[in-house]
Amino acid sequence: MLIGEYRHTLDSKGRVIIPAKLREELGERFVMTKGLDGCLFVYPLSEWETIESKLRKLPMNKKDARTFERFFFSGAIECEIDNQGRVLIPQNLREYAEIADEVIIIGVSTRLEIWSQNKWENYSNESEFTYEDIAERLEDIDL
């Protein structure tokens, strides 16, 4: 399970260290793509295959389905972690997520999200006030 929040700095080549606990769950190869809310999504290959299978079932005659697939898959890249535990975040994905130096990596059960520190702090501060309200509106959640 991918959980936790980790702060790291991007190096001059656009690489970031993936924490050891998360590397074990991700495996040797994984997929990074444009996520929602301005972050990057990182999926273990097994989870990526599940997502890909679901998206293949979307109706091609629906414009929203085509648009989402194009956006999601065009940003995707298969990645590997180097010997120092780093992964290169491609320039196009850094630009999309507005990642320049400080990053936040969070585990969200079946995926990681990589955020610019500023975006994460803004998102987190805004969401903190509605966290309980959201939990109340979710019907199938029992914490």
C-alpha atoms as a PDB file:
ATOM      1  CA  MET A   1       0.000   0.000   0.000  1.00  0.00           C
ATOM      2  CA  LEU A   2       1.319   3.435  -0.926  1.00  0.00           C
ATOM      3  CA  ILE A   3       0.845   5.846   1.981  1.00  0.00           C
ATOM      4  CA  GLY A   4       2.487   8.838   3.627  1.00  0.00           C
ATOM      5  CA  GLU A   5       3.758  12.298   2.758  1.00  0.00           C
ATOM      6  CA  TYR A   6       7.393  12.967   1.858  1.00  0.00           C
ATOM      7  CA  ARG A   7       9.248  16.195   1.037  1.00  0.00           C
ATOM      8  CA  HIS A   8      12.136  16.166  -1.401  1.00  0.00           C
ATOM      9  CA  THR A   9      14.081  18.458  -3.698  1.00  0.00           C
ATOM     10  CA  LEU A  10      14.421  18.061  -7.448  1.00  0.00           C
ATOM     11  CA  ASP A  11      18.046  17.908  -8.566  1.00  0.00           C
ATOM     12  CA  SER A  12      19.478  19.951 -11.444  1.00  0.00           C
ATOM     13  CA  LYS A  13      18.662  17.176 -13.942  1.00  0.00           C
ATOM     14  CA  GLY A  14      14.994  16.941 -12.924  1.00  0.00           C
ATOM     15  CA  ARG A  15      15.335  13.848 -10.742  1.00  0.00           C
ATOM     16  CA  VAL A  16      13.717  13.243  -7.386  1.00  0.00           C
ATOM     17  CA  ILE A  17      14.375  10.588  -4.755  1.00  0.00           C
ATOM     18  CA  ILE A  18      11.524   8.154  -4.238  1.00  0.00           C
ATOM     19  CA  PRO A  19      11.465   7.100  -0.562  1.00  0.00           C
ATOM     20  CA  ALA A  20      12.633   3.512   0.021  1.00  0.00           C
ATOM     21  CA  LYS A  21       9.281   2.411   1.489  1.00  0.00           C
ATOM     22  CA  LEU A  22       7.513   3.565  -1.662  1.00  0.00           C
ATOM     23  CA  ARG A  23      10.117   2.089  -4.035  1.00  0.00           C
ATOM     24  CA  GLU A  24       9.363  -1.372  -2.677  1.00  0.00           C
ATOM     25  CA  GLU A  25       5.664  -0.977  -3.502  1.00  0.00           C
ATOM     26  CA  LEU A  26       6.228   0.606  -6.923  1.00  0.00           C
ATOM     27  CA  GLY A  27       8.535  -2.073  -8.207  1.00  0.00           C
ATOM     28  CA  GLU A  28      11.395  -1.683 -10.662  1.00  0.00           C
ATOM     29  CA  ARG A  29       9.283  -0.143 -13.421  1.00  0.00           C
ATOM     30  CA  PHE A  30       6.186   2.037 -13.146  1.00  0.00           C
ATOM     31  CA  VAL A  31       4.206   4.649 -15.078  1.00  0.00           C
ATOM     32  CA  MET A  32       4.074   8.404 -14.474  1.00  0.00           C
ATOM     33  CA  THR A  33       1.454  10.613 -16.113  1.00  0.00           C
ATOM     34  CA  LYS A  34      -0.474  13.861 -15.818  1.00  0.00           C
ATOM     35  CA  GLY A  35      -2.780  13.588 -12.849  1.00  0.00           C
ATOM     36  CA  LEU A  36      -5.783  15.539 -11.711  1.00  0.00           C
ATOM     37  CA  ASP A  37      -5.723  18.737  -9.648  1.00  0.00           C
ATOM     38  CA  GLY A  38      -2.349  19.737 -11.098  1.00  0.00           C
ATOM     39  CA  CYS A  39      -0.204  16.883  -9.792  1.00  0.00           C
ATOM     40  CA  LEU A  40       1.444  13.839 -11.363  1.00  0.00           C
ATOM     41  CA  PHE A  41       0.121  10.311 -10.883  1.00  0.00           C
ATOM     42  CA  VAL A  42       2.580   7.412 -10.484  1.00  0.00           C
ATOM     43  CA  TYR A  43       1.246   3.864 -10.843  1.00  0.00           C
ATOM     44  CA  PRO A  44       2.862   0.471 -10.286  1.00  0.00           C
ATOM     45  CA  LEU A  45       2.648  -1.463 -13.579  1.00  0.00           C
ATOM     46  CA  SER A  46      -0.052  -3.791 -12.234  1.00  0.00           C
ATOM     47  CA  GLU A  47      -2.261  -0.828 -11.277  1.00  0.00           C
ATOM     48  CA  TRP A  48      -1.524   0.907 -14.591  1.00  0.00           C
ATOM     49  CA  GLU A  49      -2.768  -2.156 -16.456  1.00  0.00           C
ATOM     50  CA  THR A  50      -6.011  -2.058 -14.434  1.00  0.00           C
ATOM     51  CA  ILE A  51      -6.519   1.647 -15.186  1.00  0.00           C
ATOM     52  CA  GLU A  52      -5.697   1.110 -18.861  1.00  0.00           C
ATOM     53  CA  SER A  53      -8.228  -1.706 -19.077  1.00  0.00           C
ATOM     54  CA  LYS A  54     -10.953   0.474 -17.574  1.00  0.00           C
ATOM     55  CA  LEU A  55     -10.186   3.366 -19.908  1.00  0.00           C
ATOM     56  CA  ARG A  56     -10.294   1.093 -22.963  1.00  0.00           C
ATOM     57  CA  LYS A  57     -13.959   0.466 -22.153  1.00  0.00           C
ATOM     58  CA  LEU A  58     -14.865   4.142 -22.490  1.00  0.00           C
ATOM     59  CA  PRO A  59     -17.099   4.836 -25.497  1.00  0.00           C
ATOM     60  CA  MET A  60     -15.063   6.319 -28.360  1.00  0.00           C
ATOM     61  CA  ASN A  61     -18.133   8.109 -29.661  1.00  0.00           C
ATOM     62  CA  LYS A  62     -18.096  10.367 -26.571  1.00  0.00           C
ATOM     63  CA  LYS A  63     -15.932  13.453 -26.913  1.00  0.00           C
ATOM     64  CA  ASP A  64     -15.131  13.613 -23.178  1.00  0.00           C
ATOM     65  CA  ALA A  65     -13.887  10.017 -23.258  1.00  0.00           C
ATOM     66  CA  ARG A  66     -11.593  10.723 -26.220  1.00  0.00           C
ATOM     67  CA  THR A  67     -10.303  13.927 -24.639  1.00  0.00           C
ATOM     68  CA  PHE A  68      -9.578  12.286 -21.301  1.00  0.00           C
ATOM     69  CA  GLU A  69      -7.791   9.324 -22.908  1.00  0.00           C
ATOM     70  CA  ARG A  70      -5.640  11.610 -25.061  1.00  0.00           C
ATOM     71  CA  PHE A  71      -4.638  13.770 -22.113  1.00  0.00           C
ATOM     72  CA  PHE A  72      -4.016  10.852 -19.752  1.00  0.00           C
ATOM     73  CA  PHE A  73      -2.073   8.583 -22.130  1.00  0.00           C
ATOM     74  CA  SER A  74      -0.110  11.275 -24.005  1.00  0.00           C
ATOM     75  CA  GLY A  75       1.480  12.362 -20.730  1.00  0.00           C
ATOM     76  CA  ALA A  76       2.364   8.829 -19.667  1.00  0.00           C
ATOM     77  CA  ILE A  77       5.901   7.509 -19.528  1.00  0.00           C
ATOM     78  CA  GLU A  78       7.337   4.268 -18.216  1.00  0.00           C
ATOM     79  CA  CYS A  79       9.971   4.990 -15.574  1.00  0.00           C
ATOM     80  CA  GLU A  80      12.720   3.222 -13.666  1.00  0.00           C
ATOM     81  CA  ILE A  81      14.474   4.164 -10.458  1.00  0.00           C
ATOM     82  CA  ASP A  82      18.245   4.607 -10.696  1.00  0.00           C
ATOM     83  CA  ASN A  83      20.835   3.177  -8.269  1.00  0.00           C
ATOM     84  CA  GLN A  84      20.467   6.187  -5.941  1.00  0.00           C
ATOM     85  CA  GLY A  85      16.677   5.779  -5.685  1.00  0.00           C
ATOM     86  CA  ARG A  86      15.899   8.664  -8.045  1.00  0.00           C
ATOM     87  CA  VAL A  87      13.470   8.963 -10.927  1.00  0.00           C
ATOM     88  CA  LEU A  88      13.657  11.493 -13.729  1.00  0.00           C
ATOM     89  CA  ILE A  89      10.533  13.613 -14.088  1.00  0.00           C
ATOM     90  CA  PRO A  90      10.378  14.558 -17.786  1.00  0.00           C
ATOM     91  CA  GLN A  91      10.319  18.267 -18.640  1.00  0.00           C
ATOM     92  CA  ASN A  92       6.760  18.173 -20.032  1.00  0.00           C
ATOM     93  CA  LEU A  93       5.452  16.653 -16.795  1.00  0.00           C
ATOM     94  CA  ARG A  94       7.429  19.127 -14.659  1.00  0.00           C
ATOM     95  CA  GLU A  95       5.871  21.957 -16.631  1.00  0.00           C
ATOM     96  CA  TYR A  96       2.376  20.492 -16.323  1.00  0.00           C
ATOM     97  CA  ALA A  97       2.668  20.128 -12.517  1.00  0.00           C
ATOM     98  CA  GLU A  98       4.673  23.372 -12.153  1.00  0.00           C
ATOM     99  CA  ILE A  99       7.470  21.512 -10.403  1.00  0.00           C
ATOM    100  CA  ALA A 100      10.657  23.550 -10.150  1.00  0.00           C
ATOM    101  CA  ASP A 101      12.513  22.491  -7.025  1.00  0.00           C
ATOM    102  CA  GLU A 102      10.633  21.405  -3.875  1.00  0.00           C
ATOM    103  CA  VAL A 103       8.256  18.476  -4.309  1.00  0.00           C
ATOM    104  CA  ILE A 104       5.802  16.626  -2.115  1.00  0.00           C
ATOM    105  CA  ILE A 105       5.265  12.922  -2.770  1.00  0.00           C
ATOM    106  CA  ILE A 106       2.137  11.433  -1.257  1.00  0.00           C
ATOM    107  CA  GLY A 107       0.915   7.871  -1.197  1.00  0.00           C
ATOM    108  CA  VAL A 108      -2.738   7.466  -2.144  1.00  0.00           C
ATOM    109  CA  SER A 109      -3.271   3.730  -1.661  1.00  0.00           C
ATOM    110  CA  THR A 110      -2.730   2.422  -5.203  1.00  0.00           C
ATOM    111  CA  ARG A 111      -0.751   5.338  -6.638  1.00  0.00           C
ATOM    112  CA  LEU A 112       1.680   8.075  -5.732  1.00  0.00           C
ATOM    113  CA  GLU A 113       1.059  11.716  -6.427  1.00  0.00           C
ATOM    114  CA  ILE A 114       3.909  14.146  -7.013  1.00  0.00           C
ATOM    115  CA  TRP A 115       3.086  17.789  -6.303  1.00  0.00           C
ATOM    116  CA  SER A 116       4.990  21.033  -6.405  1.00  0.00           C
ATOM    117  CA  GLN A 117       5.340  22.139  -2.792  1.00  0.00           C
ATOM    118  CA  ASN A 118       3.356  25.346  -3.416  1.00  0.00           C
ATOM    119  CA  LYS A 119       0.473  23.551  -5.141  1.00  0.00           C
ATOM    120  CA  TRP A 120       0.289  20.894  -2.415  1.00  0.00           C
ATOM    121  CA  GLU A 121       0.275  23.463   0.385  1.00  0.00           C
ATOM    122  CA  ASN A 122      -2.472  25.461  -1.333  1.00  0.00           C
ATOM    123  CA  TYR A 123      -4.526  22.357  -2.083  1.00  0.00           C
ATOM    124  CA  SER A 124      -4.026  20.960   1.407  1.00  0.00           C
ATOM    125  CA  ASN A 125      -4.962  24.229   3.116  1.00  0.00           C
ATOM    126  CA  GLU A 126      -8.124  24.597   1.022  1.00  0.00           C
ATOM    127  CA  SER A 127      -9.167  20.971   1.472  1.00  0.00           C
ATOM    128  CA  GLU A 128      -8.508  20.825   5.202  1.00  0.00           C
ATOM    129  CA  PHE A 129     -11.614  22.862   5.932  1.00  0.00           C
ATOM    130  CA  THR A 130     -13.865  20.576   3.894  1.00  0.00           C
ATOM    131  CA  TYR A 131     -12.330  17.215   4.870  1.00  0.00           C
ATOM    132  CA  GLU A 132     -15.023  16.381   7.421  1.00  0.00           C
ATOM    133  CA  ASP A 133     -17.812  17.636   5.152  1.00  0.00           C
ATOM    134  CA  ILE A 134     -16.575  15.455   2.314  1.00  0.00           C
ATOM    135  CA  ALA A 135     -16.369  12.406   4.590  1.00  0.00           C
ATOM    136  CA  GLU A 136     -19.963  12.999   5.629  1.00  0.00           C
ATOM    137  CA  ARG A 137     -21.162  13.132   2.001  1.00  0.00           C
ATOM    138  CA  LEU A 138     -19.397   9.906   1.030  1.00  0.00           C
ATOM    139  CA  GLU A 139     -21.975   7.199   1.490  1.00  0.00           C
ATOM    140  CA  ASP A 140     -19.763   4.116   1.424  1.00  0.00           C
ATOM    141  CA  ILE A 141     -17.076   5.237   3.821  1.00  0.00           C
ATOM    142  CA  ASP A 142     -16.978   4.036   7.391  1.00  0.00           C
ATOM    143  CA  LEU A 143     -13.891   5.145   9.247  1.00  0.00           C
END
